Amino acid sequence: MNRIITDKTAAENIAQYLINQKKKIIFMKNDKFSSLRKQWTFVKMLTKQKTQLYNQLGSIVYIANPEVLVYCKDGLS
């Protein structure tokens, strides 16, 4: 128990914990779904970007051609 925490003491504490708790820690376990998780994260990111781009397009259309907005009441098609 140290009162002053520095990077050095934090690293020592982490190393001591890893040494003392070997049975509780699982290192680099192969996960057969990791590639699927990465792909799903990528799809979610693309969906967010699509929404952001639609919102930007709506604001640009409003600024450039406000008369077109009459046809876009239910969103952009």
PDB file of N, CA and C in Angstrom:
ATOM      1  N   MET A   1       0.840  -1.175   0.000  1.00  0.00           N
ATOM      2  CA  MET A   1       0.000   0.000   0.000  1.00  0.00           C
ATOM      3  C   MET A   1       0.888   1.242   0.000  1.00  0.00           C
ATOM      4  N   ASN A   2       0.902   1.904  -1.107  1.00  0.00           N
ATOM      5  CA  ASN A   2       1.674   3.136  -1.235  1.00  0.00           C
ATOM      6  C   ASN A   2       0.720   4.321  -1.260  1.00  0.00           C
ATOM      7  N   ARG A   3       1.123   5.383  -0.596  1.00  0.00           N
ATOM      8  CA  ARG A   3       0.287   6.595  -0.593  1.00  0.00           C
ATOM      9  C   ARG A   3       0.463   7.389  -1.876  1.00  0.00           C
ATOM     10  N   ILE A   4       1.667   7.424  -2.404  1.00  0.00           N
ATOM     11  CA  ILE A   4       1.932   8.170  -3.627  1.00  0.00           C
ATOM     12  C   ILE A   4       1.969   7.169  -4.779  1.00  0.00           C
ATOM     13  N   ILE A   5       1.055   7.361  -5.720  1.00  0.00           N
ATOM     14  CA  ILE A   5       0.980   6.454  -6.857  1.00  0.00           C
ATOM     15  C   ILE A   5       1.656   7.118  -8.051  1.00  0.00           C
ATOM     16  N   THR A   6       2.666   6.452  -8.560  1.00  0.00           N
ATOM     17  CA  THR A   6       3.340   6.906  -9.775  1.00  0.00           C
ATOM     18  C   THR A   6       3.226   5.792 -10.802  1.00  0.00           C
ATOM     19  N   ASP A   7       3.678   6.061 -12.006  1.00  0.00           N
ATOM     20  CA  ASP A   7       3.645   5.027 -13.036  1.00  0.00           C
ATOM     21  C   ASP A   7       4.480   3.820 -12.634  1.00  0.00           C
ATOM     22  N   LYS A   8       5.594   4.093 -11.999  1.00  0.00           N
ATOM     23  CA  LYS A   8       6.482   3.007 -11.589  1.00  0.00           C
ATOM     24  C   LYS A   8       5.817   2.116 -10.539  1.00  0.00           C
ATOM     25  N   THR A   9       5.217   2.723  -9.520  1.00  0.00           N
ATOM     26  CA  THR A   9       4.571   1.910  -8.474  1.00  0.00           C
ATOM     27  C   THR A   9       3.325   1.214  -9.021  1.00  0.00           C
ATOM     28  N   ALA A  10       2.605   1.861  -9.918  1.00  0.00           N
ATOM     29  CA  ALA A  10       1.429   1.221 -10.513  1.00  0.00           C
ATOM     30  C   ALA A  10       1.849   0.003 -11.337  1.00  0.00           C
ATOM     31  N   ALA A  11       2.928   0.129 -12.100  1.00  0.00           N
ATOM     32  CA  ALA A  11       3.435  -0.996 -12.883  1.00  0.00           C
ATOM     33  C   ALA A  11       3.896  -2.137 -11.987  1.00  0.00           C
ATOM     34  N   GLU A  12       4.551  -1.805 -10.884  1.00  0.00           N
ATOM     35  CA  GLU A  12       4.982  -2.846  -9.937  1.00  0.00           C
ATOM     36  C   GLU A  12       3.782  -3.552  -9.328  1.00  0.00           C
ATOM     37  N   ASN A  13       2.756  -2.793  -8.962  1.00  0.00           N
ATOM     38  CA  ASN A  13       1.553  -3.400  -8.379  1.00  0.00           C
ATOM     39  C   ASN A  13       0.857  -4.318  -9.378  1.00  0.00           C
ATOM     40  N   ILE A  14       0.795  -3.892 -10.614  1.00  0.00           N
ATOM     41  CA  ILE A  14       0.176  -4.736 -11.644  1.00  0.00           C
ATOM     42  C   ILE A  14       0.991  -6.004 -11.845  1.00  0.00           C
ATOM     43  N   ALA A  15       2.305  -5.879 -11.904  1.00  0.00           N
ATOM     44  CA  ALA A  15       3.169  -7.048 -12.085  1.00  0.00           C
ATOM     45  C   ALA A  15       3.038  -8.016 -10.913  1.00  0.00           C
ATOM     46  N   GLN A  16       2.991  -7.496  -9.694  1.00  0.00           N
ATOM     47  CA  GLN A  16       2.822  -8.364  -8.532  1.00  0.00           C
ATOM     48  C   GLN A  16       1.474  -9.076  -8.565  1.00  0.00           C
ATOM     49  N   TYR A  17       0.432  -8.380  -8.966  1.00  0.00           N
ATOM     50  CA  TYR A  17      -0.886  -9.008  -9.067  1.00  0.00           C
ATOM     51  C   TYR A  17      -0.863 -10.128 -10.103  1.00  0.00           C
ATOM     52  N   LEU A  18      -0.248  -9.859 -11.263  1.00  0.00           N
ATOM     53  CA  LEU A  18      -0.179 -10.886 -12.304  1.00  0.00           C
ATOM     54  C   LEU A  18       0.613 -12.100 -11.849  1.00  0.00           C
ATOM     55  N   ILE A  19       1.668 -11.872 -11.081  1.00  0.00           N
ATOM     56  CA  ILE A  19       2.479 -12.983 -10.572  1.00  0.00           C
ATOM     57  C   ILE A  19       1.696 -13.787  -9.545  1.00  0.00           C
ATOM     58  N   ASN A  20       0.982 -13.108  -8.660  1.00  0.00           N
ATOM     59  CA  ASN A  20       0.284 -13.790  -7.564  1.00  0.00           C
ATOM     60  C   ASN A  20      -1.036 -14.437  -7.986  1.00  0.00           C
ATOM     61  N   GLN A  21      -1.636 -13.980  -9.043  1.00  0.00           N
ATOM     62  CA  GLN A  21      -2.961 -14.474  -9.430  1.00  0.00           C
ATOM     63  C   GLN A  21      -2.943 -15.190 -10.780  1.00  0.00           C
ATOM     64  N   LYS A  22      -1.950 -16.000 -11.040  1.00  0.00           N
ATOM     65  CA  LYS A  22      -1.802 -16.676 -12.334  1.00  0.00           C
ATOM     66  C   LYS A  22      -3.016 -17.531 -12.687  1.00  0.00           C
ATOM     67  N   LYS A  23      -3.620 -18.168 -11.711  1.00  0.00           N
ATOM     68  CA  LYS A  23      -4.731 -19.083 -11.982  1.00  0.00           C
ATOM     69  C   LYS A  23      -6.010 -18.349 -12.372  1.00  0.00           C
ATOM     70  N   LYS A  24      -6.166 -17.101 -11.938  1.00  0.00           N
ATOM     71  CA  LYS A  24      -7.375 -16.348 -12.215  1.00  0.00           C
ATOM     72  C   LYS A  24      -7.337 -15.607 -13.556  1.00  0.00           C
ATOM     73  N   ILE A  25      -6.156 -15.448 -14.120  1.00  0.00           N
ATOM     74  CA  ILE A  25      -5.992 -14.632 -15.320  1.00  0.00           C
ATOM     75  C   ILE A  25      -5.921 -15.533 -16.541  1.00  0.00           C
ATOM     76  N   ILE A  26      -6.668 -15.162 -17.573  1.00  0.00           N
ATOM     77  CA  ILE A  26      -6.647 -15.892 -18.835  1.00  0.00           C
ATOM     78  C   ILE A  26      -5.946 -15.008 -19.862  1.00  0.00           C
ATOM     79  N   PHE A  27      -4.810 -15.468 -20.352  1.00  0.00           N
ATOM     80  CA  PHE A  27      -4.028 -14.701 -21.305  1.00  0.00           C
ATOM     81  C   PHE A  27      -4.361 -15.120 -22.733  1.00  0.00           C
ATOM     82  N   MET A  28      -4.688 -14.156 -23.573  1.00  0.00           N
ATOM     83  CA  MET A  28      -4.850 -14.341 -25.016  1.00  0.00           C
ATOM     84  C   MET A  28      -5.585 -15.628 -25.387  1.00  0.00           C
ATOM     85  N   LYS A  29      -6.757 -15.794 -24.863  1.00  0.00           N
ATOM     86  CA  LYS A  29      -7.554 -16.968 -25.172  1.00  0.00           C
ATOM     87  C   LYS A  29      -8.103 -16.830 -26.588  1.00  0.00           C
ATOM     88  N   ASN A  30      -7.963 -17.883 -27.386  1.00  0.00           N
ATOM     89  CA  ASN A  30      -8.485 -17.852 -28.746  1.00  0.00           C
ATOM     90  C   ASN A  30     -10.000 -17.785 -28.705  1.00  0.00           C
ATOM     91  N   ASP A  31     -10.534 -16.834 -29.424  1.00  0.00           N
ATOM     92  CA  ASP A  31     -11.980 -16.643 -29.465  1.00  0.00           C
ATOM     93  C   ASP A  31     -12.441 -16.831 -30.901  1.00  0.00           C
ATOM     94  N   LYS A  32     -13.300 -17.805 -31.136  1.00  0.00           N
ATOM     95  CA  LYS A  32     -13.722 -18.079 -32.507  1.00  0.00           C
ATOM     96  C   LYS A  32     -14.685 -17.019 -33.035  1.00  0.00           C
ATOM     97  N   PHE A  33     -15.207 -16.150 -32.164  1.00  0.00           N
ATOM     98  CA  PHE A  33     -16.129 -15.114 -32.607  1.00  0.00           C
ATOM     99  C   PHE A  33     -15.486 -13.738 -32.697  1.00  0.00           C
ATOM    100  N   SER A  34     -14.179 -13.640 -32.500  1.00  0.00           N
ATOM    101  CA  SER A  34     -13.534 -12.324 -32.511  1.00  0.00           C
ATOM    102  C   SER A  34     -13.629 -11.660 -33.878  1.00  0.00           C
ATOM    103  N   SER A  35     -13.444 -12.407 -34.953  1.00  0.00           N
ATOM    104  CA  SER A  35     -13.539 -11.805 -36.288  1.00  0.00           C
ATOM    105  C   SER A  35     -14.974 -11.374 -36.578  1.00  0.00           C
ATOM    106  N   LEU A  36     -15.939 -12.136 -36.104  1.00  0.00           N
ATOM    107  CA  LEU A  36     -17.341 -11.764 -36.284  1.00  0.00           C
ATOM    108  C   LEU A  36     -17.665 -10.494 -35.500  1.00  0.00           C
ATOM    109  N   ARG A  37     -17.111 -10.362 -34.285  1.00  0.00           N
ATOM    110  CA  ARG A  37     -17.319  -9.160 -33.490  1.00  0.00           C
ATOM    111  C   ARG A  37     -16.727  -7.929 -34.174  1.00  0.00           C
ATOM    112  N   LYS A  38     -15.544  -8.087 -34.762  1.00  0.00           N
ATOM    113  CA  LYS A  38     -14.913  -6.987 -35.484  1.00  0.00           C
ATOM    114  C   LYS A  38     -15.764  -6.567 -36.679  1.00  0.00           C
ATOM    115  N   GLN A  39     -16.292  -7.551 -37.399  1.00  0.00           N
ATOM    116  CA  GLN A  39     -17.128  -7.251 -38.562  1.00  0.00           C
ATOM    117  C   GLN A  39     -18.399  -6.531 -38.135  1.00  0.00           C
ATOM    118  N   TRP A  40     -19.015  -6.974 -37.038  1.00  0.00           N
ATOM    119  CA  TRP A  40     -20.232  -6.342 -36.546  1.00  0.00           C
ATOM    120  C   TRP A  40     -19.959  -4.906 -36.097  1.00  0.00           C
ATOM    121  N   THR A  41     -18.830  -4.673 -35.458  1.00  0.00           N
ATOM    122  CA  THR A  41     -18.446  -3.321 -35.056  1.00  0.00           C
ATOM    123  C   THR A  41     -18.287  -2.432 -36.281  1.00  0.00           C
ATOM    124  N   PHE A  42     -17.704  -2.970 -37.336  1.00  0.00           N
ATOM    125  CA  PHE A  42     -17.526  -2.225 -38.575  1.00  0.00           C
ATOM    126  C   PHE A  42     -18.881  -1.871 -39.187  1.00  0.00           C
ATOM    127  N   VAL A  43     -19.820  -2.815 -39.194  1.00  0.00           N
ATOM    128  CA  VAL A  43     -21.156  -2.563 -39.745  1.00  0.00           C
ATOM    129  C   VAL A  43     -21.872  -1.491 -38.931  1.00  0.00           C
ATOM    130  N   LYS A  44     -21.759  -1.542 -37.600  1.00  0.00           N
ATOM    131  CA  LYS A  44     -22.387  -0.513 -36.760  1.00  0.00           C
ATOM    132  C   LYS A  44     -21.793   0.858 -37.037  1.00  0.00           C
ATOM    133  N   MET A  45     -20.473   0.919 -37.245  1.00  0.00           N
ATOM    134  CA  MET A  45     -19.831   2.189 -37.549  1.00  0.00           C
ATOM    135  C   MET A  45     -20.331   2.740 -38.882  1.00  0.00           C
ATOM    136  N   LEU A  46     -20.462   1.879 -39.885  1.00  0.00           N
ATOM    137  CA  LEU A  46     -20.967   2.327 -41.182  1.00  0.00           C
ATOM    138  C   LEU A  46     -22.401   2.827 -41.081  1.00  0.00           C
ATOM    139  N   THR A  47     -23.210   2.183 -40.262  1.00  0.00           N
ATOM    140  CA  THR A  47     -24.587   2.622 -40.068  1.00  0.00           C
ATOM    141  C   THR A  47     -24.630   4.006 -39.428  1.00  0.00           C
ATOM    142  N   LYS A  48     -23.782   4.242 -38.443  1.00  0.00           N
ATOM    143  CA  LYS A  48     -23.708   5.570 -37.816  1.00  0.00           C
ATOM    144  C   LYS A  48     -23.270   6.626 -38.819  1.00  0.00           C
ATOM    145  N   GLN A  49     -22.279   6.276 -39.645  1.00  0.00           N
ATOM    146  CA  GLN A  49     -21.801   7.226 -40.638  1.00  0.00           C
ATOM    147  C   GLN A  49     -22.888   7.545 -41.657  1.00  0.00           C
ATOM    148  N   LYS A  50     -23.661   6.540 -42.049  1.00  0.00           N
ATOM    149  CA  LYS A  50     -24.753   6.765 -43.002  1.00  0.00           C
ATOM    150  C   LYS A  50     -25.765   7.745 -42.429  1.00  0.00           C
ATOM    151  N   THR A  51     -26.106   7.581 -41.168  1.00  0.00           N
ATOM    152  CA  THR A  51     -27.050   8.494 -40.516  1.00  0.00           C
ATOM    153  C   THR A  51     -26.491   9.905 -40.463  1.00  0.00           C
ATOM    154  N   GLN A  52     -25.216  10.028 -40.121  1.00  0.00           N
ATOM    155  CA  GLN A  52     -24.587  11.352 -40.075  1.00  0.00           C
ATOM    156  C   GLN A  52     -24.594  12.008 -41.448  1.00  0.00           C
ATOM    157  N   LEU A  53     -24.307  11.228 -42.490  1.00  0.00           N
ATOM    158  CA  LEU A  53     -24.277  11.791 -43.840  1.00  0.00           C
ATOM    159  C   LEU A  53     -25.666  12.204 -44.309  1.00  0.00           C
ATOM    160  N   TYR A  54     -26.703  11.427 -43.977  1.00  0.00           N
ATOM    161  CA  TYR A  54     -28.072  11.817 -44.314  1.00  0.00           C
ATOM    162  C   TYR A  54     -28.446  13.122 -43.623  1.00  0.00           C
ATOM    163  N   ASN A  55     -28.054  13.264 -42.372  1.00  0.00           N
ATOM    164  CA  ASN A  55     -28.349  14.502 -41.642  1.00  0.00           C
ATOM    165  C   ASN A  55     -27.627  15.696 -42.264  1.00  0.00           C
ATOM    166  N   GLN A  56     -26.373  15.489 -42.639  1.00  0.00           N
ATOM    167  CA  GLN A  56     -25.634  16.568 -43.296  1.00  0.00           C
ATOM    168  C   GLN A  56     -26.262  16.926 -44.636  1.00  0.00           C
ATOM    169  N   LEU A  57     -26.681  15.910 -45.389  1.00  0.00           N
ATOM    170  CA  LEU A  57     -27.316  16.161 -46.672  1.00  0.00           C
ATOM    171  C   LEU A  57     -28.603  16.955 -46.499  1.00  0.00           C
ATOM    172  N   GLY A  58     -29.381  16.610 -45.493  1.00  0.00           N
ATOM    173  CA  GLY A  58     -30.621  17.347 -45.229  1.00  0.00           C
ATOM    174  C   GLY A  58     -30.359  18.810 -44.939  1.00  0.00           C
ATOM    175  N   SER A  59     -29.338  19.084 -44.143  1.00  0.00           N
ATOM    176  CA  SER A  59     -29.039  20.485 -43.824  1.00  0.00           C
ATOM    177  C   SER A  59     -28.502  21.220 -45.052  1.00  0.00           C
ATOM    178  N   ILE A  60     -27.716  20.550 -45.876  1.00  0.00           N
ATOM    179  CA  ILE A  60     -27.187  21.193 -47.092  1.00  0.00           C
ATOM    180  C   ILE A  60     -28.317  21.476 -48.076  1.00  0.00           C
ATOM    181  N   VAL A  61     -29.246  20.529 -48.229  1.00  0.00           N
ATOM    182  CA  VAL A  61     -30.387  20.749 -49.123  1.00  0.00           C
ATOM    183  C   VAL A  61     -31.219  21.923 -48.619  1.00  0.00           C
ATOM    184  N   TYR A  62     -31.404  22.005 -47.321  1.00  0.00           N
ATOM    185  CA  TYR A  62     -32.179  23.107 -46.746  1.00  0.00           C
ATOM    186  C   TYR A  62     -31.517  24.455 -47.031  1.00  0.00           C
ATOM    187  N   ILE A  63     -30.193  24.498 -46.934  1.00  0.00           N
ATOM    188  CA  ILE A  63     -29.474  25.750 -47.177  1.00  0.00           C
ATOM    189  C   ILE A  63     -29.472  26.095 -48.669  1.00  0.00           C
ATOM    190  N   ALA A  64     -29.187  25.111 -49.517  1.00  0.00           N
ATOM    191  CA  ALA A  64     -29.004  25.381 -50.940  1.00  0.00           C
ATOM    192  C   ALA A  64     -30.332  25.515 -51.687  1.00  0.00           C
ATOM    193  N   ASN A  65     -31.290  24.631 -51.413  1.00  0.00           N
ATOM    194  CA  ASN A  65     -32.554  24.604 -52.157  1.00  0.00           C
ATOM    195  C   ASN A  65     -33.728  24.404 -51.204  1.00  0.00           C
ATOM    196  N   PRO A  66     -34.159  25.420 -50.508  1.00  0.00           N
ATOM    197  CA  PRO A  66     -35.251  25.243 -49.557  1.00  0.00           C
ATOM    198  C   PRO A  66     -36.568  24.832 -50.214  1.00  0.00           C
ATOM    199  N   GLU A  67     -36.751  25.115 -51.505  1.00  0.00           N
ATOM    200  CA  GLU A  67     -37.996  24.741 -52.175  1.00  0.00           C
ATOM    201  C   GLU A  67     -38.105  23.236 -52.397  1.00  0.00           C
ATOM    202  N   VAL A  68     -36.998  22.500 -52.328  1.00  0.00           N
ATOM    203  CA  VAL A  68     -37.011  21.045 -52.520  1.00  0.00           C
ATOM    204  C   VAL A  68     -37.512  20.334 -51.267  1.00  0.00           C
ATOM    205  N   LEU A  69     -37.430  20.985 -50.121  1.00  0.00           N
ATOM    206  CA  LEU A  69     -37.800  20.340 -48.858  1.00  0.00           C
ATOM    207  C   LEU A  69     -39.278  19.964 -48.800  1.00  0.00           C
ATOM    208  N   VAL A  70     -40.114  20.562 -49.606  1.00  0.00           N
ATOM    209  CA  VAL A  70     -41.529  20.195 -49.633  1.00  0.00           C
ATOM    210  C   VAL A  70     -41.679  18.722 -49.999  1.00  0.00           C
ATOM    211  N   TYR A  71     -40.778  18.227 -50.817  1.00  0.00           N
ATOM    212  CA  TYR A  71     -40.840  16.823 -51.282  1.00  0.00           C
ATOM    213  C   TYR A  71     -40.126  15.879 -50.333  1.00  0.00           C
ATOM    214  N   CYS A  72     -39.459  16.387 -49.309  1.00  0.00           N
ATOM    215  CA  CYS A  72     -38.677  15.549 -48.394  1.00  0.00           C
ATOM    216  C   CYS A  72     -39.250  15.566 -46.972  1.00  0.00           C
ATOM    217  N   LYS A  73     -40.546  15.678 -46.834  1.00  0.00           N
ATOM    218  CA  LYS A  73     -41.149  15.748 -45.503  1.00  0.00           C
ATOM    219  C   LYS A  73     -40.918  14.478 -44.684  1.00  0.00           C
ATOM    220  N   ASP A  74     -40.946  13.341 -45.359  1.00  0.00           N
ATOM    221  CA  ASP A  74     -40.781  12.061 -44.656  1.00  0.00           C
ATOM    222  C   ASP A  74     -39.346  11.569 -44.661  1.00  0.00           C
ATOM    223  N   GLY A  75     -38.423  12.437 -44.962  1.00  0.00           N
ATOM    224  CA  GLY A  75     -37.011  12.055 -45.017  1.00  0.00           C
ATOM    225  C   GLY A  75     -36.535  11.960 -46.434  1.00  0.00           C
ATOM    226  N   LEU A  76     -35.249  11.749 -46.573  1.00  0.00           N
ATOM    227  CA  LEU A  76     -34.649  11.648 -47.906  1.00  0.00           C
ATOM    228  C   LEU A  76     -34.789  10.232 -48.417  1.00  0.00           C
ATOM    229  N   SER A  77     -35.101  10.124 -49.695  1.00  0.00           N
ATOM    230  CA  SER A  77     -35.208   8.785 -50.276  1.00  0.00           C
ATOM    231  C   SER A  77     -33.973   8.468 -51.103  1.00  0.00           C
TER     232      SER A  77
END
